[in-house]
Amino acid sequence: MVIKTVNLETVCGITSTLPQNTLPEFAFAGKSNVGKSSLINALMNRKSYARTSAQPGKTQTINFYNINDMLYYVDLPGYGYANANEKVKAQWGVMIEKYLRTSKQLRLVFLLIDIRHAPGKNDIQMYEWIKSNGFEPVIIATKADKIKRSQLDKCLKIIRETLHIGSNTIMIPFSAVSKAGREEIYEVLERYIQNS
């Protein structure tokens, strides 16, 4: 996929009305600090368009990036941020669920899991939440450059077993450093765009 234009078109906070877009939307969900902004930047072929931060929990809005006037990348708030108070966490949850339930253009949800660790309680909950809203998430196993190649299959197996993922579910190891996995993600996007 050749990225020609990128535009942060809409930013929705807790009280915002979600946009009525006409282009297909592809959402990215993941725990705070899982590398979501880095992945989105890699997919936009931009260095720092989506804000990355050493401070987790930075994305507190739903951000809609218009790509090539062809589709949207939808950056959902990072969940499981320990320092956010319970009220804020609950509001983020309501916001994400409202989006998953009401978007007419949402085609696919990418769920990001840190390849180095077994999915935690929040990851499992998010996976089940996405499924309960009628979507089969694509799992992106981030930070693949931080493990040895010999550990890759074992780490992917742990994620698959912890989430009770069937063999049909797509799982893609990804590295923001080497961009390994980016072409596979583009292929998935293109397949869904053609079927839209």
Protein backbone atom coordinates (compact mmCIF):
# COMPACT_ATOMS: atom_id res chain seq x y z
CA MET A 1 0.00 0.00 0.00
CA VAL A 2 1.43 3.38 -1.02
CA ILE A 3 0.59 6.11 1.50
CA LYS A 4 0.09 9.40 -0.33
CA THR A 5 -1.95 11.49 2.10
CA VAL A 6 -2.51 11.33 5.85
CA ASN A 7 -4.85 13.64 7.72
CA LEU A 8 -5.89 13.58 11.38
CA GLU A 9 -9.49 14.42 10.54
CA THR A 10 -11.46 13.92 13.75
CA VAL A 11 -10.58 13.73 17.46
CA CYS A 12 -13.39 12.51 19.73
CA GLY A 13 -13.35 12.96 23.48
CA ILE A 14 -15.69 11.44 26.04
CA THR A 15 -18.54 13.87 25.27
CA SER A 16 -17.98 14.09 21.50
CA THR A 17 -20.37 12.82 18.84
CA LEU A 18 -18.74 10.13 16.71
CA PRO A 19 -18.35 11.10 13.03
CA GLN A 20 -20.62 9.62 10.36
CA ASN A 21 -17.83 8.61 7.99
CA THR A 22 -18.45 7.08 4.58
CA LEU A 23 -15.06 5.37 4.14
CA PRO A 24 -14.15 2.01 5.73
CA GLU A 25 -12.67 2.24 9.23
CA PHE A 26 -9.99 0.02 10.76
CA ALA A 27 -9.59 0.34 14.53
CA PHE A 28 -6.48 -0.26 16.64
CA ALA A 29 -6.93 -1.32 20.27
CA GLY A 30 -4.27 -2.15 22.81
CA LYS A 31 -2.97 -1.68 26.31
CA SER A 32 -1.19 1.55 27.14
CA ASN A 33 2.48 1.33 26.13
CA VAL A 34 1.96 -1.65 23.77
CA GLY A 35 3.35 0.34 20.83
CA LYS A 36 0.06 1.39 19.21
CA SER A 37 1.21 4.86 18.10
CA SER A 38 4.44 3.37 16.74
CA LEU A 39 2.45 0.82 14.72
CA ILE A 40 0.07 3.46 13.35
CA ASN A 41 3.02 5.70 12.40
CA ALA A 42 4.65 2.76 10.58
CA LEU A 43 1.40 2.05 8.71
CA MET A 44 1.10 5.75 7.79
CA ASN A 45 4.75 5.74 6.74
CA ARG A 46 5.30 8.76 8.98
CA LYS A 47 7.82 9.10 11.80
CA SER A 48 5.70 10.75 14.46
CA TYR A 49 2.28 11.69 13.14
CA ALA A 50 0.49 9.66 15.82
CA ARG A 51 1.89 10.86 19.11
CA THR A 52 4.13 8.37 20.83
CA SER A 53 5.00 8.90 24.45
CA ALA A 54 7.16 7.46 27.17
CA GLN A 55 4.18 8.22 29.39
CA PRO A 56 1.52 5.54 28.92
CA GLY A 57 -2.14 6.47 28.67
CA LYS A 58 -1.45 9.39 26.34
CA THR A 59 -4.23 8.57 23.86
CA GLN A 60 -7.37 9.58 25.72
CA THR A 61 -9.42 10.28 22.62
CA ILE A 62 -10.55 8.34 19.57
CA ASN A 63 -8.48 9.67 16.68
CA PHE A 64 -9.59 9.23 13.06
CA TYR A 65 -6.77 9.36 10.49
CA ASN A 66 -7.91 9.71 6.88
CA ILE A 67 -5.53 7.68 4.69
CA ASN A 68 -5.42 8.44 0.94
CA ASP A 69 -9.11 9.50 1.10
CA MET A 70 -9.67 5.74 0.96
CA LEU A 71 -9.94 4.52 4.57
CA TYR A 72 -9.56 5.53 8.20
CA TYR A 73 -7.14 4.28 10.83
CA VAL A 74 -9.00 4.68 14.12
CA ASP A 75 -6.74 4.96 17.17
CA LEU A 76 -8.68 3.89 20.28
CA PRO A 77 -7.64 4.97 23.82
CA GLY A 78 -5.07 2.66 25.42
CA TYR A 79 -6.59 0.57 28.19
CA GLY A 80 -5.18 -0.81 31.44
CA TYR A 81 -3.33 2.38 32.34
CA ALA A 82 -2.66 1.91 36.06
CA ASN A 83 -2.38 5.61 36.95
CA ALA A 84 -5.72 6.61 35.44
CA ASN A 85 -8.44 6.88 38.06
CA GLU A 86 -11.41 4.51 37.98
CA LYS A 87 -13.82 7.16 36.68
CA VAL A 88 -11.56 7.94 33.71
CA LYS A 89 -11.02 4.23 32.99
CA ALA A 90 -14.79 3.67 33.01
CA GLN A 91 -15.31 6.61 30.63
CA TRP A 92 -12.68 5.25 28.21
CA GLY A 93 -14.47 1.88 28.31
CA VAL A 94 -17.84 3.47 27.53
CA MET A 95 -16.24 5.46 24.69
CA ILE A 96 -14.63 2.39 23.10
CA GLU A 97 -17.75 0.27 23.47
CA LYS A 98 -19.95 3.03 21.99
CA TYR A 99 -17.65 3.20 18.98
CA LEU A 100 -17.55 -0.61 18.49
CA ARG A 101 -21.36 -0.79 18.72
CA THR A 102 -22.37 2.22 16.66
CA SER A 103 -19.83 2.72 13.85
CA LYS A 104 -21.42 1.78 10.54
CA GLN A 105 -18.08 1.79 8.72
CA LEU A 106 -15.93 -0.28 11.10
CA ARG A 107 -14.62 -3.23 9.11
CA LEU A 108 -11.97 -4.72 11.36
CA VAL A 109 -10.32 -4.34 14.77
CA PHE A 110 -6.60 -4.91 15.26
CA LEU A 111 -5.80 -5.93 18.83
CA LEU A 112 -2.20 -5.26 19.86
CA ILE A 113 -0.52 -7.56 22.38
CA ASP A 114 3.10 -7.24 23.60
CA ILE A 115 4.76 -10.41 22.29
CA ARG A 116 7.05 -10.62 25.35
CA HIS A 117 4.23 -11.24 27.83
CA ALA A 118 1.19 -13.48 28.08
CA PRO A 119 -2.00 -11.43 27.57
CA GLY A 120 -3.20 -9.95 30.86
CA LYS A 121 -6.70 -9.62 32.27
CA ASN A 122 -7.36 -6.39 30.35
CA ASP A 123 -6.19 -7.96 27.06
CA ILE A 124 -8.46 -10.97 27.54
CA GLN A 125 -11.39 -8.70 28.42
CA MET A 126 -10.77 -6.53 25.33
CA TYR A 127 -10.50 -9.58 23.06
CA GLU A 128 -13.81 -10.94 24.38
CA TRP A 129 -15.40 -7.49 24.13
CA ILE A 130 -14.40 -7.13 20.47
CA LYS A 131 -15.76 -10.63 19.74
CA SER A 132 -19.02 -9.91 21.58
CA ASN A 133 -19.52 -6.89 19.31
CA GLY A 134 -19.37 -9.15 16.27
CA PHE A 135 -15.77 -8.69 15.14
CA GLU A 136 -12.99 -11.25 14.73
CA PRO A 137 -9.91 -9.25 15.73
CA VAL A 138 -6.57 -9.54 13.98
CA ILE A 139 -3.87 -9.93 16.64
CA ILE A 140 -0.74 -7.83 16.19
CA ALA A 141 2.08 -9.16 18.40
CA THR A 142 4.14 -5.99 18.90
CA LYS A 143 7.80 -5.50 19.92
CA ALA A 144 8.88 -8.62 18.00
CA ASP A 145 12.41 -7.18 17.72
CA LYS A 146 12.78 -7.49 21.51
CA ILE A 147 12.77 -11.29 21.50
CA LYS A 148 15.09 -13.82 19.84
CA ARG A 149 13.86 -15.36 16.60
CA SER A 150 14.01 -18.77 18.27
CA GLN A 151 11.42 -17.58 20.85
CA LEU A 152 8.91 -16.30 18.30
CA ASP A 153 6.76 -19.43 17.86
CA LYS A 154 6.68 -20.08 21.60
CA CYS A 155 5.57 -16.49 22.37
CA LEU A 156 2.86 -16.58 19.68
CA LYS A 157 1.63 -19.92 21.05
CA ILE A 158 1.30 -18.42 24.55
CA ILE A 159 -0.81 -15.53 23.18
CA ARG A 160 -2.98 -17.94 21.18
CA GLU A 161 -3.54 -20.26 24.15
CA THR A 162 -4.17 -17.47 26.68
CA LEU A 163 -6.81 -15.82 24.48
CA HIS A 164 -8.22 -19.21 23.36
CA ILE A 165 -7.78 -18.14 19.73
CA GLY A 166 -8.84 -20.48 16.97
CA SER A 167 -6.52 -21.36 14.09
CA ASN A 168 -8.53 -19.09 11.75
CA THR A 169 -7.58 -15.93 13.64
CA ILE A 170 -4.82 -13.95 11.93
CA MET A 171 -1.83 -13.19 14.12
CA ILE A 172 1.01 -10.99 12.85
CA PRO A 173 4.31 -10.40 14.69
CA PHE A 174 5.33 -6.75 14.23
CA SER A 175 8.43 -4.66 14.89
CA ALA A 176 8.27 -0.85 14.80
CA VAL A 177 12.07 -0.88 14.52
CA SER A 178 12.49 -3.10 11.43
CA LYS A 179 8.89 -2.68 10.15
CA ALA A 180 8.66 -6.49 9.96
CA GLY A 181 4.99 -7.42 9.66
CA ARG A 182 3.91 -4.15 8.02
CA GLU A 183 3.39 -5.69 4.56
CA GLU A 184 1.26 -8.47 6.07
CA ILE A 185 -0.94 -5.85 7.79
CA TYR A 186 -1.26 -3.92 4.51
CA GLU A 187 -2.37 -7.15 2.80
CA VAL A 188 -5.12 -7.64 5.39
CA LEU A 189 -6.25 -4.01 5.00
CA GLU A 190 -6.34 -4.25 1.20
CA ARG A 191 -8.35 -7.47 1.34
CA TYR A 192 -10.98 -5.84 3.55
CA ILE A 193 -11.09 -2.64 1.47
CA GLN A 194 -11.74 -4.68 -1.69
CA ASN A 195 -14.61 -6.47 0.05
CA SER A 196 -16.14 -3.22 1.38
